[in-house]
Amino acid sequence: MEIRRAIKADISGILELQSANLVSNLSVQEQENGFVTTPFTIDLIEEIILQDGLFIAIDKEKVVSYVFAGSWEYFSYWDIFKYMIKRFPNLKFQGKTITTENSFQYGPICIDVNYRGKGLINQIFEEMRLNLKEKYPISLTFINAVNIPSTKAHTGKLGWEIIDRFEFNGGNYIGLAFDMSKSVV
């Protein structure tokens, strides 16, 4: 297994994994195993690659996991992130007020269904953490409240802390924060 930053040649594999796990492509029963909600276009993937914010795991020449990590400016393409930023003045993590300068958006993370539960989440997260910890002391993310497998993985396996709950466009979400100085392996 190889875990590294993504390059343009990886885009087709990233899109294939995204399609197989995108909530809109899954049945209700399939969603119980976890899903991703944010679809990324080729242009958006190329942009995050140029910013060194996309990490992948490859096994047998197949992309089996990815994790996005980017500035709030990058994620401002989506309204939910703009909404999250507006909430920052009221959010604290380890005594610090959250800002667009001291934090970044982590996620989505996606792991091929055949690789889940085998520790890959810790490995790919650690690769991302090591690459971004000097720039950002805090990582933030949100999880759809119905995506229980993702919430369990992030709070249980990685040690994320729930710092917020909010509603957006009729959905319920959990806001989480992570101390980037903390190793997960």
N, C-alpha and C. Protein backbone atom coordinates (compact mmCIF):
# COMPACT_ATOMS: atom_id res chain seq x y z
N MET A 1 0.86 -1.18 0.00
CA MET A 1 0.00 0.00 0.00
C MET A 1 0.90 1.24 0.00
N GLU A 2 0.56 2.17 -0.86
CA GLU A 2 1.29 3.43 -0.95
C GLU A 2 0.34 4.56 -0.54
N ILE A 3 0.79 5.42 0.37
CA ILE A 3 0.01 6.57 0.81
C ILE A 3 0.85 7.80 0.53
N ARG A 4 0.24 8.75 -0.22
CA ARG A 4 1.00 9.91 -0.66
C ARG A 4 0.05 11.02 -1.11
N ARG A 5 0.67 12.18 -1.46
CA ARG A 5 -0.09 13.25 -2.07
C ARG A 5 -0.53 12.81 -3.46
N ALA A 6 -1.70 13.25 -3.85
CA ALA A 6 -2.22 12.92 -5.18
C ALA A 6 -1.54 13.77 -6.24
N ILE A 7 -1.50 13.21 -7.45
CA ILE A 7 -1.03 13.92 -8.64
C ILE A 7 -2.13 13.83 -9.69
N LYS A 8 -1.99 14.61 -10.75
CA LYS A 8 -3.04 14.65 -11.78
C LYS A 8 -3.34 13.27 -12.36
N ALA A 9 -2.34 12.43 -12.46
CA ALA A 9 -2.55 11.08 -13.02
C ALA A 9 -3.49 10.23 -12.17
N ASP A 10 -3.74 10.64 -10.93
CA ASP A 10 -4.61 9.89 -10.02
C ASP A 10 -6.08 10.27 -10.13
N ILE A 11 -6.39 11.30 -10.90
CA ILE A 11 -7.75 11.85 -10.91
C ILE A 11 -8.80 10.83 -11.30
N SER A 12 -8.56 10.03 -12.31
CA SER A 12 -9.59 9.06 -12.73
C SER A 12 -9.90 8.07 -11.61
N GLY A 13 -8.89 7.62 -10.88
CA GLY A 13 -9.11 6.71 -9.75
C GLY A 13 -9.85 7.37 -8.60
N ILE A 14 -9.58 8.65 -8.38
CA ILE A 14 -10.27 9.41 -7.34
C ILE A 14 -11.75 9.55 -7.70
N LEU A 15 -12.02 9.88 -8.96
CA LEU A 15 -13.41 10.02 -9.41
C LEU A 15 -14.16 8.69 -9.34
N GLU A 16 -13.48 7.61 -9.65
CA GLU A 16 -14.11 6.28 -9.57
C GLU A 16 -14.50 5.95 -8.13
N LEU A 17 -13.59 6.20 -7.19
CA LEU A 17 -13.88 5.94 -5.77
C LEU A 17 -15.00 6.86 -5.28
N GLN A 18 -14.95 8.13 -5.68
CA GLN A 18 -15.99 9.09 -5.30
C GLN A 18 -17.35 8.60 -5.79
N SER A 19 -17.44 8.20 -7.04
CA SER A 19 -18.71 7.76 -7.61
C SER A 19 -19.28 6.55 -6.88
N ALA A 20 -18.40 5.64 -6.49
CA ALA A 20 -18.84 4.41 -5.80
C ALA A 20 -19.33 4.68 -4.39
N ASN A 21 -19.02 5.87 -3.84
CA ASN A 21 -19.37 6.16 -2.44
C ASN A 21 -20.18 7.44 -2.25
N LEU A 22 -20.57 8.09 -3.33
CA LEU A 22 -21.34 9.31 -3.25
C LEU A 22 -22.76 9.00 -2.81
N VAL A 23 -23.25 9.71 -1.81
CA VAL A 23 -24.55 9.44 -1.21
C VAL A 23 -25.65 9.36 -2.25
N SER A 24 -25.60 10.22 -3.25
CA SER A 24 -26.65 10.23 -4.26
C SER A 24 -26.61 9.00 -5.17
N ASN A 25 -25.54 8.23 -5.13
CA ASN A 25 -25.42 7.01 -5.93
C ASN A 25 -25.70 5.74 -5.15
N LEU A 26 -26.01 5.88 -3.85
CA LEU A 26 -26.16 4.72 -2.97
C LEU A 26 -27.61 4.52 -2.54
N SER A 27 -27.97 3.27 -2.33
CA SER A 27 -29.28 2.98 -1.75
C SER A 27 -29.24 3.33 -0.26
N VAL A 28 -30.39 3.40 0.36
CA VAL A 28 -30.46 3.68 1.80
C VAL A 28 -29.67 2.63 2.57
N GLN A 29 -29.79 1.38 2.17
CA GLN A 29 -29.06 0.30 2.84
C GLN A 29 -27.55 0.47 2.67
N GLU A 30 -27.10 0.83 1.48
CA GLU A 30 -25.66 1.03 1.24
C GLU A 30 -25.13 2.21 2.05
N GLN A 31 -25.96 3.22 2.27
CA GLN A 31 -25.54 4.40 3.03
C GLN A 31 -25.21 4.05 4.48
N GLU A 32 -25.74 2.96 4.99
CA GLU A 32 -25.47 2.56 6.38
C GLU A 32 -24.00 2.23 6.60
N ASN A 33 -23.26 1.96 5.53
CA ASN A 33 -21.83 1.66 5.63
C ASN A 33 -20.96 2.90 5.52
N GLY A 34 -21.59 4.08 5.40
CA GLY A 34 -20.85 5.32 5.25
C GLY A 34 -20.93 5.82 3.82
N PHE A 35 -20.68 7.12 3.64
CA PHE A 35 -20.79 7.73 2.33
C PHE A 35 -20.10 9.08 2.33
N VAL A 36 -19.90 9.63 1.15
CA VAL A 36 -19.42 11.01 1.01
C VAL A 36 -20.55 11.82 0.40
N THR A 37 -20.61 13.11 0.76
CA THR A 37 -21.71 13.95 0.28
C THR A 37 -21.25 14.99 -0.73
N THR A 38 -19.98 15.33 -0.76
CA THR A 38 -19.49 16.41 -1.59
C THR A 38 -18.89 15.87 -2.89
N PRO A 39 -19.53 16.15 -4.03
CA PRO A 39 -18.96 15.73 -5.31
C PRO A 39 -17.92 16.74 -5.79
N PHE A 40 -16.79 16.25 -6.23
CA PHE A 40 -15.72 17.10 -6.75
C PHE A 40 -15.59 16.89 -8.25
N THR A 41 -15.46 17.99 -8.99
CA THR A 41 -15.24 17.94 -10.42
C THR A 41 -13.75 17.77 -10.71
N ILE A 42 -13.42 17.49 -11.94
CA ILE A 42 -12.01 17.38 -12.32
C ILE A 42 -11.28 18.69 -12.02
N ASP A 43 -11.89 19.83 -12.35
CA ASP A 43 -11.25 21.12 -12.11
C ASP A 43 -10.96 21.35 -10.62
N LEU A 44 -11.94 21.00 -9.77
CA LEU A 44 -11.73 21.18 -8.33
C LEU A 44 -10.67 20.23 -7.79
N ILE A 45 -10.60 19.03 -8.34
CA ILE A 45 -9.57 18.08 -7.92
C ILE A 45 -8.20 18.59 -8.36
N GLU A 46 -8.11 19.07 -9.60
CA GLU A 46 -6.83 19.62 -10.06
C GLU A 46 -6.38 20.79 -9.20
N GLU A 47 -7.32 21.64 -8.81
CA GLU A 47 -6.99 22.80 -7.98
C GLU A 47 -6.45 22.37 -6.61
N ILE A 48 -7.08 21.41 -5.96
CA ILE A 48 -6.61 20.98 -4.64
C ILE A 48 -5.28 20.24 -4.75
N ILE A 49 -5.04 19.55 -5.85
CA ILE A 49 -3.75 18.90 -6.07
C ILE A 49 -2.65 19.97 -6.16
N LEU A 50 -2.92 21.06 -6.88
CA LEU A 50 -1.93 22.15 -6.98
C LEU A 50 -1.65 22.79 -5.63
N GLN A 51 -2.61 22.71 -4.71
CA GLN A 51 -2.43 23.27 -3.36
C GLN A 51 -1.87 22.24 -2.38
N ASP A 52 -1.48 21.06 -2.88
CA ASP A 52 -0.95 19.97 -2.04
C ASP A 52 -1.92 19.57 -0.94
N GLY A 53 -3.22 19.50 -1.29
CA GLY A 53 -4.23 19.21 -0.29
C GLY A 53 -5.05 17.96 -0.55
N LEU A 54 -4.54 17.04 -1.34
CA LEU A 54 -5.27 15.81 -1.60
C LEU A 54 -4.31 14.63 -1.41
N PHE A 55 -4.72 13.72 -0.55
CA PHE A 55 -3.88 12.57 -0.21
C PHE A 55 -4.64 11.30 -0.56
N ILE A 56 -3.89 10.31 -1.05
CA ILE A 56 -4.52 9.07 -1.50
C ILE A 56 -3.77 7.85 -0.97
N ALA A 57 -4.49 6.74 -0.95
CA ALA A 57 -3.89 5.43 -0.70
C ALA A 57 -4.13 4.61 -1.95
N ILE A 58 -3.08 3.94 -2.41
CA ILE A 58 -3.16 3.11 -3.61
C ILE A 58 -2.75 1.70 -3.24
N ASP A 59 -3.56 0.75 -3.68
CA ASP A 59 -3.24 -0.66 -3.50
C ASP A 59 -3.46 -1.35 -4.84
N LYS A 60 -2.44 -2.04 -5.31
CA LYS A 60 -2.52 -2.76 -6.60
C LYS A 60 -2.97 -1.81 -7.72
N GLU A 61 -2.36 -0.63 -7.75
CA GLU A 61 -2.61 0.39 -8.78
C GLU A 61 -4.02 0.95 -8.77
N LYS A 62 -4.76 0.77 -7.68
CA LYS A 62 -6.12 1.28 -7.55
C LYS A 62 -6.18 2.26 -6.38
N VAL A 63 -6.84 3.41 -6.58
CA VAL A 63 -7.05 4.36 -5.49
C VAL A 63 -8.10 3.76 -4.57
N VAL A 64 -7.71 3.48 -3.32
CA VAL A 64 -8.63 2.85 -2.38
C VAL A 64 -9.05 3.80 -1.25
N SER A 65 -8.44 4.99 -1.23
CA SER A 65 -8.83 5.98 -0.24
C SER A 65 -8.34 7.35 -0.69
N TYR A 66 -9.09 8.37 -0.30
CA TYR A 66 -8.61 9.74 -0.49
C TYR A 66 -9.07 10.58 0.68
N VAL A 67 -8.34 11.67 0.89
CA VAL A 67 -8.75 12.67 1.87
C VAL A 67 -8.37 14.05 1.32
N PHE A 68 -9.35 14.95 1.35
CA PHE A 68 -9.15 16.33 0.94
C PHE A 68 -8.80 17.15 2.19
N ALA A 69 -7.95 18.15 2.01
CA ALA A 69 -7.59 19.05 3.10
C ALA A 69 -7.22 20.39 2.47
N GLY A 70 -8.02 21.41 2.76
CA GLY A 70 -7.76 22.68 2.08
C GLY A 70 -8.17 23.89 2.89
N SER A 71 -7.77 25.02 2.35
CA SER A 71 -8.10 26.30 2.97
C SER A 71 -9.59 26.55 2.87
N TRP A 72 -10.06 27.46 3.70
CA TRP A 72 -11.47 27.83 3.65
C TRP A 72 -11.78 28.55 2.35
N GLU A 73 -10.81 29.21 1.77
CA GLU A 73 -11.01 29.85 0.47
C GLU A 73 -11.33 28.79 -0.59
N TYR A 74 -10.57 27.69 -0.59
CA TYR A 74 -10.83 26.62 -1.55
C TYR A 74 -12.25 26.06 -1.36
N PHE A 75 -12.63 25.81 -0.12
CA PHE A 75 -13.92 25.18 0.13
C PHE A 75 -15.10 26.15 0.03
N SER A 76 -14.83 27.43 -0.21
CA SER A 76 -15.93 28.39 -0.31
C SER A 76 -16.77 28.21 -1.58
N TYR A 77 -16.42 27.24 -2.42
CA TYR A 77 -17.27 26.89 -3.57
C TYR A 77 -18.65 26.39 -3.09
N TRP A 78 -18.70 25.83 -1.90
CA TRP A 78 -19.93 25.23 -1.39
C TRP A 78 -20.50 26.10 -0.27
N ASP A 79 -21.81 26.29 -0.32
CA ASP A 79 -22.50 27.15 0.65
C ASP A 79 -22.36 26.66 2.08
N ILE A 80 -22.30 25.36 2.29
CA ILE A 80 -22.22 24.86 3.67
C ILE A 80 -20.95 25.33 4.36
N PHE A 81 -19.87 25.47 3.60
CA PHE A 81 -18.62 25.93 4.21
C PHE A 81 -18.67 27.42 4.53
N LYS A 82 -19.35 28.19 3.68
CA LYS A 82 -19.55 29.60 3.98
C LYS A 82 -20.35 29.74 5.28
N TYR A 83 -21.34 28.88 5.44
CA TYR A 83 -22.15 28.89 6.65
C TYR A 83 -21.30 28.53 7.88
N MET A 84 -20.45 27.54 7.73
CA MET A 84 -19.58 27.15 8.84
C MET A 84 -18.67 28.30 9.25
N ILE A 85 -18.10 29.00 8.28
CA ILE A 85 -17.19 30.12 8.57
C ILE A 85 -17.91 31.19 9.37
N LYS A 86 -19.16 31.46 9.06
CA LYS A 86 -19.94 32.46 9.81
C LYS A 86 -20.09 32.06 11.28
N ARG A 87 -20.00 30.79 11.58
CA ARG A 87 -20.17 30.30 12.95
C ARG A 87 -18.87 30.39 13.77
N PHE A 88 -17.73 30.59 13.10
CA PHE A 88 -16.43 30.55 13.76
C PHE A 88 -16.31 31.48 14.98
N PRO A 89 -16.78 32.71 14.94
CA PRO A 89 -16.60 33.58 16.11
C PRO A 89 -17.19 33.01 17.41
N ASN A 90 -18.15 32.08 17.28
CA ASN A 90 -18.78 31.49 18.46
C ASN A 90 -18.22 30.12 18.82
N LEU A 91 -17.22 29.66 18.06
CA LEU A 91 -16.66 28.33 18.29
C LEU A 91 -15.28 28.41 18.90
N LYS A 92 -15.07 27.56 19.89
CA LYS A 92 -13.75 27.48 20.52
C LYS A 92 -13.31 26.02 20.54
N PHE A 93 -11.99 25.85 20.45
CA PHE A 93 -11.39 24.52 20.56
C PHE A 93 -10.11 24.67 21.36
N GLN A 94 -10.04 23.96 22.46
CA GLN A 94 -8.89 24.02 23.37
C GLN A 94 -8.57 25.46 23.75
N GLY A 95 -9.63 26.23 24.02
CA GLY A 95 -9.48 27.61 24.47
C GLY A 95 -9.22 28.62 23.37
N LYS A 96 -9.10 28.19 22.12
CA LYS A 96 -8.83 29.10 21.01
C LYS A 96 -10.10 29.30 20.18
N THR A 97 -10.35 30.54 19.79
CA THR A 97 -11.44 30.82 18.87
C THR A 97 -11.03 30.33 17.48
N ILE A 98 -11.93 29.66 16.80
CA ILE A 98 -11.66 29.15 15.46
C ILE A 98 -11.64 30.32 14.48
N THR A 99 -10.65 30.32 13.58
CA THR A 99 -10.56 31.32 12.51
C THR A 99 -10.19 30.63 11.20
N THR A 100 -10.29 31.39 10.11
CA THR A 100 -9.88 30.84 8.82
C THR A 100 -8.35 30.77 8.71
N GLU A 101 -7.65 31.44 9.59
CA GLU A 101 -6.18 31.41 9.57
C GLU A 101 -5.60 30.26 10.40
N ASN A 102 -6.25 29.91 11.51
CA ASN A 102 -5.68 28.87 12.38
C ASN A 102 -6.27 27.49 12.12
N SER A 103 -7.14 27.38 11.10
CA SER A 103 -7.77 26.09 10.82
C SER A 103 -7.92 25.87 9.33
N PHE A 104 -8.18 24.62 8.98
CA PHE A 104 -8.48 24.26 7.60
C PHE A 104 -9.59 23.23 7.60
N GLN A 105 -10.20 23.04 6.45
CA GLN A 105 -11.26 22.06 6.29
C GLN A 105 -10.64 20.73 5.89
N TYR A 106 -10.90 19.73 6.68
CA TYR A 106 -10.49 18.36 6.40
C TYR A 106 -11.70 17.61 5.86
N GLY A 107 -11.49 16.89 4.80
CA GLY A 107 -12.55 16.06 4.27
C GLY A 107 -13.10 16.60 2.97
N PRO A 108 -13.78 15.76 2.30
CA PRO A 108 -14.18 14.44 2.76
C PRO A 108 -13.03 13.44 2.72
N ILE A 109 -13.22 12.40 3.49
CA ILE A 109 -12.36 11.24 3.42
C ILE A 109 -13.23 10.11 2.88
N CYS A 110 -12.65 9.30 2.05
CA CYS A 110 -13.38 8.18 1.48
C CYS A 110 -12.47 6.95 1.48
N ILE A 111 -13.00 5.85 1.92
CA ILE A 111 -12.25 4.59 1.94
C ILE A 111 -13.10 3.54 1.25
N ASP A 112 -12.51 2.86 0.29
CA ASP A 112 -13.19 1.77 -0.41
C ASP A 112 -13.78 0.81 0.61
N VAL A 113 -15.00 0.37 0.37
CA VAL A 113 -15.71 -0.47 1.32
C VAL A 113 -14.90 -1.72 1.71
N ASN A 114 -14.09 -2.25 0.81
CA ASN A 114 -13.29 -3.44 1.10
C ASN A 114 -12.07 -3.16 1.98
N TYR A 115 -11.78 -1.89 2.24
CA TYR A 115 -10.60 -1.52 3.03
C TYR A 115 -10.99 -0.89 4.37
N ARG A 116 -12.26 -0.79 4.65
CA ARG A 116 -12.71 -0.17 5.90
C ARG A 116 -12.47 -1.11 7.08
N GLY A 117 -12.24 -0.51 8.24
CA GLY A 117 -12.06 -1.28 9.46
C GLY A 117 -10.70 -1.95 9.58
N LYS A 118 -9.73 -1.53 8.75
CA LYS A 118 -8.41 -2.16 8.75
C LYS A 118 -7.29 -1.18 9.10
N GLY A 119 -7.66 -0.03 9.64
CA GLY A 119 -6.65 0.93 10.07
C GLY A 119 -6.21 1.93 9.01
N LEU A 120 -6.77 1.86 7.82
CA LEU A 120 -6.37 2.78 6.76
C LEU A 120 -6.71 4.22 7.09
N ILE A 121 -7.80 4.45 7.80
CA ILE A 121 -8.17 5.82 8.16
C ILE A 121 -7.04 6.49 8.96
N ASN A 122 -6.43 5.77 9.87
CA ASN A 122 -5.34 6.34 10.66
C ASN A 122 -4.12 6.63 9.79
N GLN A 123 -3.82 5.72 8.88
CA GLN A 123 -2.63 5.88 8.04
C GLN A 123 -2.75 7.07 7.09
N ILE A 124 -3.87 7.18 6.40
CA ILE A 124 -4.01 8.29 5.45
C ILE A 124 -4.18 9.62 6.18
N PHE A 125 -4.87 9.59 7.31
CA PHE A 125 -5.01 10.81 8.11
C PHE A 125 -3.65 11.27 8.60
N GLU A 126 -2.83 10.37 9.05
CA GLU A 126 -1.50 10.73 9.57
C GLU A 126 -0.64 11.34 8.47
N GLU A 127 -0.70 10.81 7.26
CA GLU A 127 0.05 11.39 6.13
C GLU A 127 -0.39 12.84 5.91
N MET A 128 -1.69 13.07 5.90
CA MET A 128 -2.22 14.42 5.74
C MET A 128 -1.78 15.31 6.90
N ARG A 129 -1.89 14.81 8.12
CA ARG A 129 -1.55 15.59 9.31
C ARG A 129 -0.09 16.03 9.28
N LEU A 130 0.81 15.12 8.95
CA LEU A 130 2.24 15.44 8.92
C LEU A 130 2.55 16.53 7.89
N ASN A 131 1.79 16.56 6.81
CA ASN A 131 2.02 17.55 5.77
C ASN A 131 1.43 18.92 6.08
N LEU A 132 0.45 19.00 6.97
CA LEU A 132 -0.24 20.27 7.22
C LEU A 132 -0.08 20.82 8.63
N LYS A 133 0.50 20.07 9.54
CA LYS A 133 0.53 20.48 10.95
C LYS A 133 1.32 21.76 11.21
N GLU A 134 2.31 22.06 10.39
CA GLU A 134 3.09 23.29 10.60
C GLU A 134 2.31 24.53 10.15
N LYS A 135 1.44 24.37 9.18
CA LYS A 135 0.68 25.50 8.65
C LYS A 135 -0.57 25.78 9.47
N TYR A 136 -1.23 24.72 9.94
CA TYR A 136 -2.50 24.87 10.64
C TYR A 136 -2.49 24.09 11.96
N PRO A 137 -2.75 24.75 13.09
CA PRO A 137 -2.81 24.02 14.35
C PRO A 137 -4.12 23.26 14.58
N ILE A 138 -5.17 23.64 13.84
CA ILE A 138 -6.49 23.04 14.05
C ILE A 138 -7.07 22.58 12.72
N SER A 139 -7.66 21.41 12.74
CA SER A 139 -8.40 20.90 11.60
C SER A 139 -9.87 20.85 11.98
N LEU A 140 -10.73 21.22 11.03
CA LEU A 140 -12.17 21.17 11.25
C LEU A 140 -12.82 20.33 10.18
N THR A 141 -13.95 19.77 10.51
CA THR A 141 -14.76 19.06 9.53
C THR A 141 -16.20 19.04 10.00
N PHE A 142 -17.06 18.56 9.14
CA PHE A 142 -18.44 18.33 9.53
C PHE A 142 -18.84 16.96 9.01
N ILE A 143 -19.79 16.37 9.69
CA ILE A 143 -20.31 15.06 9.29
C ILE A 143 -21.82 15.13 9.34
N ASN A 144 -22.45 14.61 8.32
CA ASN A 144 -23.91 14.50 8.32
C ASN A 144 -24.30 13.64 9.52
N ALA A 145 -25.24 14.10 10.32
CA ALA A 145 -25.61 13.40 11.56
C ALA A 145 -26.08 11.97 11.32
N VAL A 146 -26.59 11.68 10.13
CA VAL A 146 -27.02 10.31 9.86
C VAL A 146 -25.87 9.39 9.45
N ASN A 147 -24.70 9.95 9.22
CA ASN A 147 -23.54 9.15 8.83
C ASN A 147 -22.81 8.67 10.09
N ILE A 148 -23.46 7.78 10.80
CA ILE A 148 -22.95 7.27 12.08
C ILE A 148 -21.59 6.58 11.93
N PRO A 149 -21.34 5.78 10.88
CA PRO A 149 -20.01 5.16 10.76
C PRO A 149 -18.89 6.20 10.71
N SER A 150 -19.10 7.30 10.02
CA SER A 150 -18.08 8.34 9.93
C SER A 150 -17.86 9.01 11.29
N THR A 151 -18.94 9.32 11.98
CA THR A 151 -18.80 9.94 13.31
C THR A 151 -18.04 9.03 14.26
N LYS A 152 -18.38 7.75 14.26
CA LYS A 152 -17.68 6.79 15.13
C LYS A 152 -16.20 6.69 14.77
N ALA A 153 -15.90 6.64 13.48
CA ALA A 153 -14.49 6.52 13.05
C ALA A 153 -13.69 7.75 13.46
N HIS A 154 -14.27 8.93 13.30
CA HIS A 154 -13.52 10.15 13.61
C HIS A 154 -13.36 10.39 15.11
N THR A 155 -14.40 10.15 15.87
CA THR A 155 -14.28 10.37 17.32
C THR A 155 -13.57 9.21 18.00
N GLY A 156 -13.81 8.00 17.57
CA GLY A 156 -13.23 6.82 18.21
C GLY A 156 -11.82 6.50 17.76
N LYS A 157 -11.61 6.41 16.45
CA LYS A 157 -10.31 5.99 15.93
C LYS A 157 -9.30 7.13 15.83
N LEU A 158 -9.79 8.35 15.56
CA LEU A 158 -8.88 9.47 15.36
C LEU A 158 -8.85 10.47 16.52
N GLY A 159 -9.86 10.46 17.36
CA GLY A 159 -9.87 11.36 18.50
C GLY A 159 -10.37 12.76 18.24
N TRP A 160 -11.17 12.95 17.20
CA TRP A 160 -11.77 14.26 16.95
C TRP A 160 -12.76 14.58 18.07
N GLU A 161 -12.93 15.88 18.32
CA GLU A 161 -13.87 16.34 19.34
C GLU A 161 -15.03 17.07 18.70
N ILE A 162 -16.24 16.75 19.13
CA ILE A 162 -17.42 17.45 18.64
C ILE A 162 -17.47 18.82 19.31
N ILE A 163 -17.52 19.88 18.49
CA ILE A 163 -17.55 21.25 19.02
C ILE A 163 -18.78 22.02 18.56
N ASP A 164 -19.59 21.41 17.70
CA ASP A 164 -20.72 22.15 17.14
C ASP A 164 -21.76 21.18 16.59
N ARG A 165 -22.98 21.63 16.58
CA ARG A 165 -24.08 20.95 15.89
C ARG A 165 -24.86 22.05 15.19
N PHE A 166 -25.22 21.79 13.93
CA PHE A 166 -25.94 22.81 13.20
C PHE A 166 -26.85 22.19 12.14
N GLU A 167 -27.79 23.02 11.69
CA GLU A 167 -28.70 22.62 10.62
C GLU A 167 -28.35 23.44 9.40
N PHE A 168 -28.43 22.80 8.23
CA PHE A 168 -28.18 23.51 6.99
C PHE A 168 -28.98 22.85 5.88
N ASN A 169 -29.76 23.64 5.17
CA ASN A 169 -30.59 23.14 4.07
C ASN A 169 -31.39 21.89 4.45
N GLY A 170 -31.94 21.89 5.65
CA GLY A 170 -32.78 20.78 6.09
C GLY A 170 -32.03 19.58 6.64
N GLY A 171 -30.70 19.63 6.64
CA GLY A 171 -29.91 18.53 7.19
C GLY A 171 -29.31 18.89 8.53
N ASN A 172 -29.03 17.87 9.32
CA ASN A 172 -28.40 18.06 10.62
C ASN A 172 -26.94 17.60 10.53
N TYR A 173 -26.05 18.42 11.08
CA TYR A 173 -24.61 18.17 10.96
C TYR A 173 -23.92 18.30 12.31
N ILE A 174 -22.80 17.61 12.41
CA ILE A 174 -21.94 17.66 13.58
C ILE A 174 -20.64 18.32 13.15
N GLY A 175 -20.22 19.35 13.87
CA GLY A 175 -18.93 20.01 13.62
C GLY A 175 -17.89 19.43 14.56
N LEU A 176 -16.73 19.08 14.01
CA LEU A 176 -15.67 18.47 14.81
C LEU A 176 -14.35 19.21 14.62
N ALA A 177 -13.50 19.13 15.64
CA ALA A 177 -12.17 19.76 15.58
C ALA A 177 -11.11 18.75 16.01
N PHE A 178 -9.89 18.97 15.50
CA PHE A 178 -8.78 18.08 15.81
C PHE A 178 -7.52 18.91 16.03
N ASP A 179 -6.75 18.55 17.05
CA ASP A 179 -5.47 19.18 17.36
C ASP A 179 -4.41 18.55 16.45
N MET A 180 -3.89 19.32 15.52
CA MET A 180 -2.96 18.81 14.51
C MET A 180 -1.59 18.40 15.08
N SER A 181 -1.32 18.74 16.32
CA SER A 181 -0.04 18.32 16.91
C SER A 181 -0.11 16.86 17.44
N LYS A 182 -1.29 16.27 17.38
CA LYS A 182 -1.52 14.95 17.96
C LYS A 182 -1.46 13.84 16.91
N SER A 183 -0.52 12.93 17.06
CA SER A 183 -0.39 11.80 16.12
C SER A 183 -1.53 10.81 16.30
N VAL A 184 -1.92 10.13 15.23
CA VAL A 184 -3.02 9.17 15.31
C VAL A 184 -2.55 7.73 15.02
N VAL A 185 -1.25 7.52 14.91
CA VAL A 185 -0.75 6.16 14.69
C VAL A 185 0.12 5.72 15.84
